Amino acid sequence: MPDNTSANIATADALTLLLHNQHGIAAALEEVANWATRHGGAHIAENVLGSLQVLDKNAQALTDAINQLRRF
């Protein structure tokens, strides 16, 4: 069986960068939701918060994949 350690590390590193990007996007969306709420856009804030839920769900899946790759 070939040694995939280098490939696993590279993949985990790439996924980690994507996860960091995702956290940054989530923080920006939270700011947008807060701004929308303060300026009477409650329906916009609700839509943004729905997007945040998707980001959170996917962030957990990325974290799980990263952890699995790093174990090998």
PDB file of N, CA and C in Angstrom:
ATOM      1  N   MET A   1       0.846  -1.175   0.000  1.00  0.00           N
ATOM      2  CA  MET A   1       0.000   0.000   0.000  1.00  0.00           C
ATOM      3  C   MET A   1       0.892   1.238   0.000  1.00  0.00           C
ATOM      4  N   PRO A   2       0.658   2.194  -0.934  1.00  0.00           N
ATOM      5  CA  PRO A   2       1.511   3.378  -0.994  1.00  0.00           C
ATOM      6  C   PRO A   2       1.304   4.281   0.217  1.00  0.00           C
ATOM      7  N   ASP A   3       2.354   5.016   0.534  1.00  0.00           N
ATOM      8  CA  ASP A   3       2.303   5.950   1.650  1.00  0.00           C
ATOM      9  C   ASP A   3       1.686   7.261   1.167  1.00  0.00           C
ATOM     10  N   ASN A   4       0.519   7.612   1.681  1.00  0.00           N
ATOM     11  CA  ASN A   4      -0.180   8.822   1.273  1.00  0.00           C
ATOM     12  C   ASN A   4      -0.035   9.937   2.297  1.00  0.00           C
ATOM     13  N   THR A   5       0.944   9.835   3.171  1.00  0.00           N
ATOM     14  CA  THR A   5       1.103  10.817   4.235  1.00  0.00           C
ATOM     15  C   THR A   5       1.247  12.223   3.685  1.00  0.00           C
ATOM     16  N   SER A   6       2.098  12.411   2.690  1.00  0.00           N
ATOM     17  CA  SER A   6       2.301  13.746   2.114  1.00  0.00           C
ATOM     18  C   SER A   6       1.026  14.269   1.477  1.00  0.00           C
ATOM     19  N   ALA A   7       0.324  13.406   0.776  1.00  0.00           N
ATOM     20  CA  ALA A   7      -0.931  13.815   0.146  1.00  0.00           C
ATOM     21  C   ALA A   7      -1.973  14.169   1.201  1.00  0.00           C
ATOM     22  N   ASN A   8      -2.025  13.390   2.272  1.00  0.00           N
ATOM     23  CA  ASN A   8      -2.976  13.678   3.347  1.00  0.00           C
ATOM     24  C   ASN A   8      -2.664  15.012   4.007  1.00  0.00           C
ATOM     25  N   ILE A   9      -1.385  15.275   4.243  1.00  0.00           N
ATOM     26  CA  ILE A   9      -0.988  16.540   4.863  1.00  0.00           C
ATOM     27  C   ILE A   9      -1.345  17.708   3.953  1.00  0.00           C
ATOM     28  N   ALA A  10      -1.038  17.591   2.672  1.00  0.00           N
ATOM     29  CA  ALA A  10      -1.342  18.663   1.724  1.00  0.00           C
ATOM     30  C   ALA A  10      -2.848  18.905   1.632  1.00  0.00           C
ATOM     31  N   THR A  11      -3.611  17.835   1.609  1.00  0.00           N
ATOM     32  CA  THR A  11      -5.066  17.966   1.553  1.00  0.00           C
ATOM     33  C   THR A  11      -5.606  18.602   2.822  1.00  0.00           C
ATOM     34  N   ALA A  12      -5.115  18.156   3.963  1.00  0.00           N
ATOM     35  CA  ALA A  12      -5.552  18.729   5.235  1.00  0.00           C
ATOM     36  C   ALA A  12      -5.183  20.208   5.312  1.00  0.00           C
ATOM     37  N   ASP A  13      -3.998  20.561   4.838  1.00  0.00           N
ATOM     38  CA  ASP A  13      -3.582  21.969   4.848  1.00  0.00           C
ATOM     39  C   ASP A  13      -4.504  22.812   3.955  1.00  0.00           C
ATOM     40  N   ALA A  14      -4.846  22.288   2.777  1.00  0.00           N
ATOM     41  CA  ALA A  14      -5.734  23.021   1.868  1.00  0.00           C
ATOM     42  C   ALA A  14      -7.126  23.180   2.478  1.00  0.00           C
ATOM     43  N   LEU A  15      -7.625  22.109   3.085  1.00  0.00           N
ATOM     44  CA  LEU A  15      -8.933  22.185   3.732  1.00  0.00           C
ATOM     45  C   LEU A  15      -8.915  23.157   4.904  1.00  0.00           C
ATOM     46  N   THR A  16      -7.807  23.217   5.609  1.00  0.00           N
ATOM     47  CA  THR A  16      -7.677  24.154   6.725  1.00  0.00           C
ATOM     48  C   THR A  16      -7.770  25.595   6.223  1.00  0.00           C
ATOM     49  N   LEU A  17      -7.120  25.879   5.109  1.00  0.00           N
ATOM     50  CA  LEU A  17      -7.210  27.224   4.532  1.00  0.00           C
ATOM     51  C   LEU A  17      -8.645  27.553   4.117  1.00  0.00           C
ATOM     52  N   LEU A  18      -9.321  26.588   3.521  1.00  0.00           N
ATOM     53  CA  LEU A  18     -10.727  26.801   3.153  1.00  0.00           C
ATOM     54  C   LEU A  18     -11.585  27.042   4.390  1.00  0.00           C
ATOM     55  N   LEU A  19     -11.297  26.313   5.445  1.00  0.00           N
ATOM     56  CA  LEU A  19     -12.041  26.489   6.690  1.00  0.00           C
ATOM     57  C   LEU A  19     -11.804  27.880   7.266  1.00  0.00           C
ATOM     58  N   HIS A  20     -10.575  28.368   7.208  1.00  0.00           N
ATOM     59  CA  HIS A  20     -10.286  29.729   7.680  1.00  0.00           C
ATOM     60  C   HIS A  20     -11.044  30.756   6.839  1.00  0.00           C
ATOM     61  N   ASN A  21     -11.082  30.542   5.531  1.00  0.00           N
ATOM     62  CA  ASN A  21     -11.858  31.432   4.664  1.00  0.00           C
ATOM     63  C   ASN A  21     -13.332  31.413   5.049  1.00  0.00           C
ATOM     64  N   GLN A  22     -13.824  30.225   5.324  1.00  0.00           N
ATOM     65  CA  GLN A  22     -15.221  30.078   5.690  1.00  0.00           C
ATOM     66  C   GLN A  22     -15.532  30.827   6.979  1.00  0.00           C
ATOM     67  N   HIS A  23     -14.632  30.763   7.947  1.00  0.00           N
ATOM     68  CA  HIS A  23     -14.830  31.499   9.197  1.00  0.00           C
ATOM     69  C   HIS A  23     -14.842  33.006   8.942  1.00  0.00           C
ATOM     70  N   GLY A  24     -13.973  33.465   8.050  1.00  0.00           N
ATOM     71  CA  GLY A  24     -13.948  34.887   7.707  1.00  0.00           C
ATOM     72  C   GLY A  24     -15.236  35.328   7.036  1.00  0.00           C
ATOM     73  N   ILE A  25     -15.737  34.516   6.123  1.00  0.00           N
ATOM     74  CA  ILE A  25     -17.002  34.824   5.463  1.00  0.00           C
ATOM     75  C   ILE A  25     -18.138  34.848   6.476  1.00  0.00           C
ATOM     76  N   ALA A  26     -18.136  33.901   7.392  1.00  0.00           N
ATOM     77  CA  ALA A  26     -19.175  33.852   8.425  1.00  0.00           C
ATOM     78  C   ALA A  26     -19.147  35.111   9.283  1.00  0.00           C
ATOM     79  N   ALA A  27     -17.960  35.566   9.654  1.00  0.00           N
ATOM     80  CA  ALA A  27     -17.849  36.786  10.462  1.00  0.00           C
ATOM     81  C   ALA A  27     -18.394  37.989   9.692  1.00  0.00           C
ATOM     82  N   ALA A  28     -18.078  38.068   8.410  1.00  0.00           N
ATOM     83  CA  ALA A  28     -18.579  39.176   7.591  1.00  0.00           C
ATOM     84  C   ALA A  28     -20.101  39.119   7.474  1.00  0.00           C
ATOM     85  N   LEU A  29     -20.648  37.915   7.292  1.00  0.00           N
ATOM     86  CA  LEU A  29     -22.096  37.775   7.189  1.00  0.00           C
ATOM     87  C   LEU A  29     -22.794  38.149   8.493  1.00  0.00           C
ATOM     88  N   GLU A  30     -22.162  37.842   9.612  1.00  0.00           N
ATOM     89  CA  GLU A  30     -22.731  38.257  10.898  1.00  0.00           C
ATOM     90  C   GLU A  30     -22.819  39.772  10.985  1.00  0.00           C
ATOM     91  N   GLU A  31     -21.791  40.449  10.509  1.00  0.00           N
ATOM     92  CA  GLU A  31     -21.807  41.909  10.496  1.00  0.00           C
ATOM     93  C   GLU A  31     -22.935  42.431   9.610  1.00  0.00           C
ATOM     94  N   VAL A  32     -23.126  41.811   8.456  1.00  0.00           N
ATOM     95  CA  VAL A  32     -24.207  42.208   7.551  1.00  0.00           C
ATOM     96  C   VAL A  32     -25.561  41.993   8.226  1.00  0.00           C
ATOM     97  N   ALA A  33     -25.724  40.856   8.891  1.00  0.00           N
ATOM     98  CA  ALA A  33     -26.983  40.574   9.588  1.00  0.00           C
ATOM     99  C   ALA A  33     -27.237  41.602  10.680  1.00  0.00           C
ATOM    100  N   ASN A  34     -26.204  41.942  11.435  1.00  0.00           N
ATOM    101  CA  ASN A  34     -26.360  42.953  12.488  1.00  0.00           C
ATOM    102  C   ASN A  34     -26.732  44.306  11.892  1.00  0.00           C
ATOM    103  N   TRP A  35     -26.062  44.676  10.808  1.00  0.00           N
ATOM    104  CA  TRP A  35     -26.360  45.947  10.157  1.00  0.00           C
ATOM    105  C   TRP A  35     -27.798  45.957   9.655  1.00  0.00           C
ATOM    106  N   ALA A  36     -28.214  44.873   9.003  1.00  0.00           N
ATOM    107  CA  ALA A  36     -29.572  44.794   8.465  1.00  0.00           C
ATOM    108  C   ALA A  36     -30.612  44.894   9.574  1.00  0.00           C
ATOM    109  N   THR A  37     -30.346  44.242  10.690  1.00  0.00           N
ATOM    110  CA  THR A  37     -31.273  44.299  11.821  1.00  0.00           C
ATOM    111  C   THR A  37     -31.404  45.729  12.334  1.00  0.00           C
ATOM    112  N   ARG A  38     -30.282  46.420  12.466  1.00  0.00           N
ATOM    113  CA  ARG A  38     -30.293  47.807  12.973  1.00  0.00           C
ATOM    114  C   ARG A  38     -30.980  48.777  12.014  1.00  0.00           C
ATOM    115  N   HIS A  39     -31.002  48.431  10.738  1.00  0.00           N
ATOM    116  CA  HIS A  39     -31.556  49.337   9.744  1.00  0.00           C
ATOM    117  C   HIS A  39     -32.892  48.857   9.172  1.00  0.00           C
ATOM    118  N   GLY A  40     -33.586  48.036   9.931  1.00  0.00           N
ATOM    119  CA  GLY A  40     -34.940  47.640   9.553  1.00  0.00           C
ATOM    120  C   GLY A  40     -35.049  46.540   8.520  1.00  0.00           C
ATOM    121  N   GLY A  41     -33.991  45.837   8.270  1.00  0.00           N
ATOM    122  CA  GLY A  41     -34.028  44.759   7.290  1.00  0.00           C
ATOM    123  C   GLY A  41     -34.071  43.397   7.949  1.00  0.00           C
ATOM    124  N   ALA A  42     -35.056  43.177   8.777  1.00  0.00           N
ATOM    125  CA  ALA A  42     -35.140  41.916   9.527  1.00  0.00           C
ATOM    126  C   ALA A  42     -35.194  40.708   8.593  1.00  0.00           C
ATOM    127  N   HIS A  43     -35.908  40.836   7.477  1.00  0.00           N
ATOM    128  CA  HIS A  43     -36.008  39.700   6.545  1.00  0.00           C
ATOM    129  C   HIS A  43     -34.652  39.407   5.907  1.00  0.00           C
ATOM    130  N   ILE A  44     -33.864  40.440   5.655  1.00  0.00           N
ATOM    131  CA  ILE A  44     -32.508  40.238   5.122  1.00  0.00           C
ATOM    132  C   ILE A  44     -31.642  39.558   6.165  1.00  0.00           C
ATOM    133  N   ALA A  45     -31.762  40.007   7.400  1.00  0.00           N
ATOM    134  CA  ALA A  45     -30.986  39.408   8.487  1.00  0.00           C
ATOM    135  C   ALA A  45     -31.325  37.930   8.630  1.00  0.00           C
ATOM    136  N   GLU A  46     -32.601  37.585   8.491  1.00  0.00           N
ATOM    137  CA  GLU A  46     -33.003  36.180   8.585  1.00  0.00           C
ATOM    138  C   GLU A  46     -32.361  35.351   7.476  1.00  0.00           C
ATOM    139  N   ASN A  47     -32.333  35.885   6.276  1.00  0.00           N
ATOM    140  CA  ASN A  47     -31.707  35.170   5.157  1.00  0.00           C
ATOM    141  C   ASN A  47     -30.214  34.985   5.387  1.00  0.00           C
ATOM    142  N   VAL A  48     -29.584  36.018   5.886  1.00  0.00           N
ATOM    143  CA  VAL A  48     -28.146  35.944   6.157  1.00  0.00           C
ATOM    144  C   VAL A  48     -27.880  34.908   7.247  1.00  0.00           C
ATOM    145  N   LEU A  49     -28.687  34.915   8.285  1.00  0.00           N
ATOM    146  CA  LEU A  49     -28.508  33.953   9.368  1.00  0.00           C
ATOM    147  C   LEU A  49     -28.727  32.521   8.876  1.00  0.00           C
ATOM    148  N   GLY A  50     -29.622  32.341   7.921  1.00  0.00           N
ATOM    149  CA  GLY A  50     -29.802  31.017   7.308  1.00  0.00           C
ATOM    150  C   GLY A  50     -28.542  30.572   6.585  1.00  0.00           C
ATOM    151  N   SER A  51     -27.906  31.505   5.902  1.00  0.00           N
ATOM    152  CA  SER A  51     -26.635  31.193   5.229  1.00  0.00           C
ATOM    153  C   SER A  51     -25.559  30.834   6.248  1.00  0.00           C
ATOM    154  N   LEU A  52     -25.568  31.512   7.372  1.00  0.00           N
ATOM    155  CA  LEU A  52     -24.592  31.205   8.424  1.00  0.00           C
ATOM    156  C   LEU A  52     -24.768  29.781   8.938  1.00  0.00           C
ATOM    157  N   GLN A  53     -25.995  29.326   9.030  1.00  0.00           N
ATOM    158  CA  GLN A  53     -26.236  27.951   9.484  1.00  0.00           C
ATOM    159  C   GLN A  53     -25.615  26.949   8.519  1.00  0.00           C
ATOM    160  N   VAL A  54     -25.713  27.221   7.231  1.00  0.00           N
ATOM    161  CA  VAL A  54     -25.107  26.339   6.230  1.00  0.00           C
ATOM    162  C   VAL A  54     -23.585  26.354   6.388  1.00  0.00           C
ATOM    163  N   LEU A  55     -23.018  27.546   6.558  1.00  0.00           N
ATOM    164  CA  LEU A  55     -21.569  27.650   6.751  1.00  0.00           C
ATOM    165  C   LEU A  55     -21.126  26.882   7.992  1.00  0.00           C
ATOM    166  N   ASP A  56     -21.878  27.000   9.074  1.00  0.00           N
ATOM    167  CA  ASP A  56     -21.530  26.280  10.307  1.00  0.00           C
ATOM    168  C   ASP A  56     -21.565  24.774  10.092  1.00  0.00           C
ATOM    169  N   LYS A  57     -22.597  24.294   9.421  1.00  0.00           N
ATOM    170  CA  LYS A  57     -22.719  22.856   9.151  1.00  0.00           C
ATOM    171  C   LYS A  57     -21.537  22.375   8.311  1.00  0.00           C
ATOM    172  N   ASN A  58     -21.224  23.122   7.265  1.00  0.00           N
ATOM    173  CA  ASN A  58     -20.117  22.736   6.400  1.00  0.00           C
ATOM    174  C   ASN A  58     -18.769  22.874   7.096  1.00  0.00           C
ATOM    175  N   ALA A  59     -18.643  23.844   7.979  1.00  0.00           N
ATOM    176  CA  ALA A  59     -17.398  24.005   8.729  1.00  0.00           C
ATOM    177  C   ALA A  59     -17.141  22.780   9.593  1.00  0.00           C
ATOM    178  N   GLN A  60     -18.181  22.236  10.179  1.00  0.00           N
ATOM    179  CA  GLN A  60     -18.022  21.040  10.993  1.00  0.00           C
ATOM    180  C   GLN A  60     -17.582  19.858  10.141  1.00  0.00           C
ATOM    181  N   ALA A  61     -18.165  19.725   8.948  1.00  0.00           N
ATOM    182  CA  ALA A  61     -17.772  18.641   8.046  1.00  0.00           C
ATOM    183  C   ALA A  61     -16.321  18.793   7.611  1.00  0.00           C
ATOM    184  N   LEU A  62     -15.894  20.018   7.321  1.00  0.00           N
ATOM    185  CA  LEU A  62     -14.495  20.263   6.967  1.00  0.00           C
ATOM    186  C   LEU A  62     -13.575  19.928   8.132  1.00  0.00           C
ATOM    187  N   THR A  63     -13.956  20.331   9.322  1.00  0.00           N
ATOM    188  CA  THR A  63     -13.142  20.040  10.512  1.00  0.00           C
ATOM    189  C   THR A  63     -12.992  18.540  10.704  1.00  0.00           C
ATOM    190  N   ASP A  64     -14.074  17.808  10.540  1.00  0.00           N
ATOM    191  CA  ASP A  64     -14.022  16.347  10.676  1.00  0.00           C
ATOM    192  C   ASP A  64     -13.092  15.733   9.631  1.00  0.00           C
ATOM    193  N   ALA A  65     -13.182  16.219   8.396  1.00  0.00           N
ATOM    194  CA  ALA A  65     -12.325  15.690   7.325  1.00  0.00           C
ATOM    195  C   ALA A  65     -10.856  16.005   7.597  1.00  0.00           C
ATOM    196  N   ILE A  66     -10.590  17.211   8.054  1.00  0.00           N
ATOM    197  CA  ILE A  66      -9.213  17.610   8.376  1.00  0.00           C
ATOM    198  C   ILE A  66      -8.654  16.712   9.474  1.00  0.00           C
ATOM    199  N   ASN A  67      -9.432  16.508  10.516  1.00  0.00           N
ATOM    200  CA  ASN A  67      -8.983  15.677  11.623  1.00  0.00           C
ATOM    201  C   ASN A  67      -8.736  14.242  11.171  1.00  0.00           C
ATOM    202  N   GLN A  68      -9.588  13.728  10.310  1.00  0.00           N
ATOM    203  CA  GLN A  68      -9.407  12.366   9.802  1.00  0.00           C
ATOM    204  C   GLN A  68      -8.129  12.270   8.975  1.00  0.00           C
ATOM    205  N   LEU A  69      -7.890  13.239   8.111  1.00  0.00           N
ATOM    206  CA  LEU A  69      -6.674  13.220   7.300  1.00  0.00           C
ATOM    207  C   LEU A  69      -5.415  13.319   8.164  1.00  0.00           C
ATOM    208  N   ARG A  70      -5.457  14.116   9.183  1.00  0.00           N
ATOM    209  CA  ARG A  70      -4.289  14.317  10.036  1.00  0.00           C
ATOM    210  C   ARG A  70      -3.973  13.096  10.906  1.00  0.00           C
ATOM    211  N   ARG A  71      -4.943  12.203  11.081  1.00  0.00           N
ATOM    212  CA  ARG A  71      -4.719  10.985  11.867  1.00  0.00           C
ATOM    213  C   ARG A  71      -3.906   9.961  11.095  1.00  0.00           C
ATOM    214  N   PHE A  72      -3.892  10.047   9.764  1.00  0.00           N
ATOM    215  CA  PHE A  72      -3.217   9.034   8.948  1.00  0.00           C
ATOM    216  C   PHE A  72      -1.795   9.392   8.685  1.00  0.00           C
TER     217      PHE A  72
END
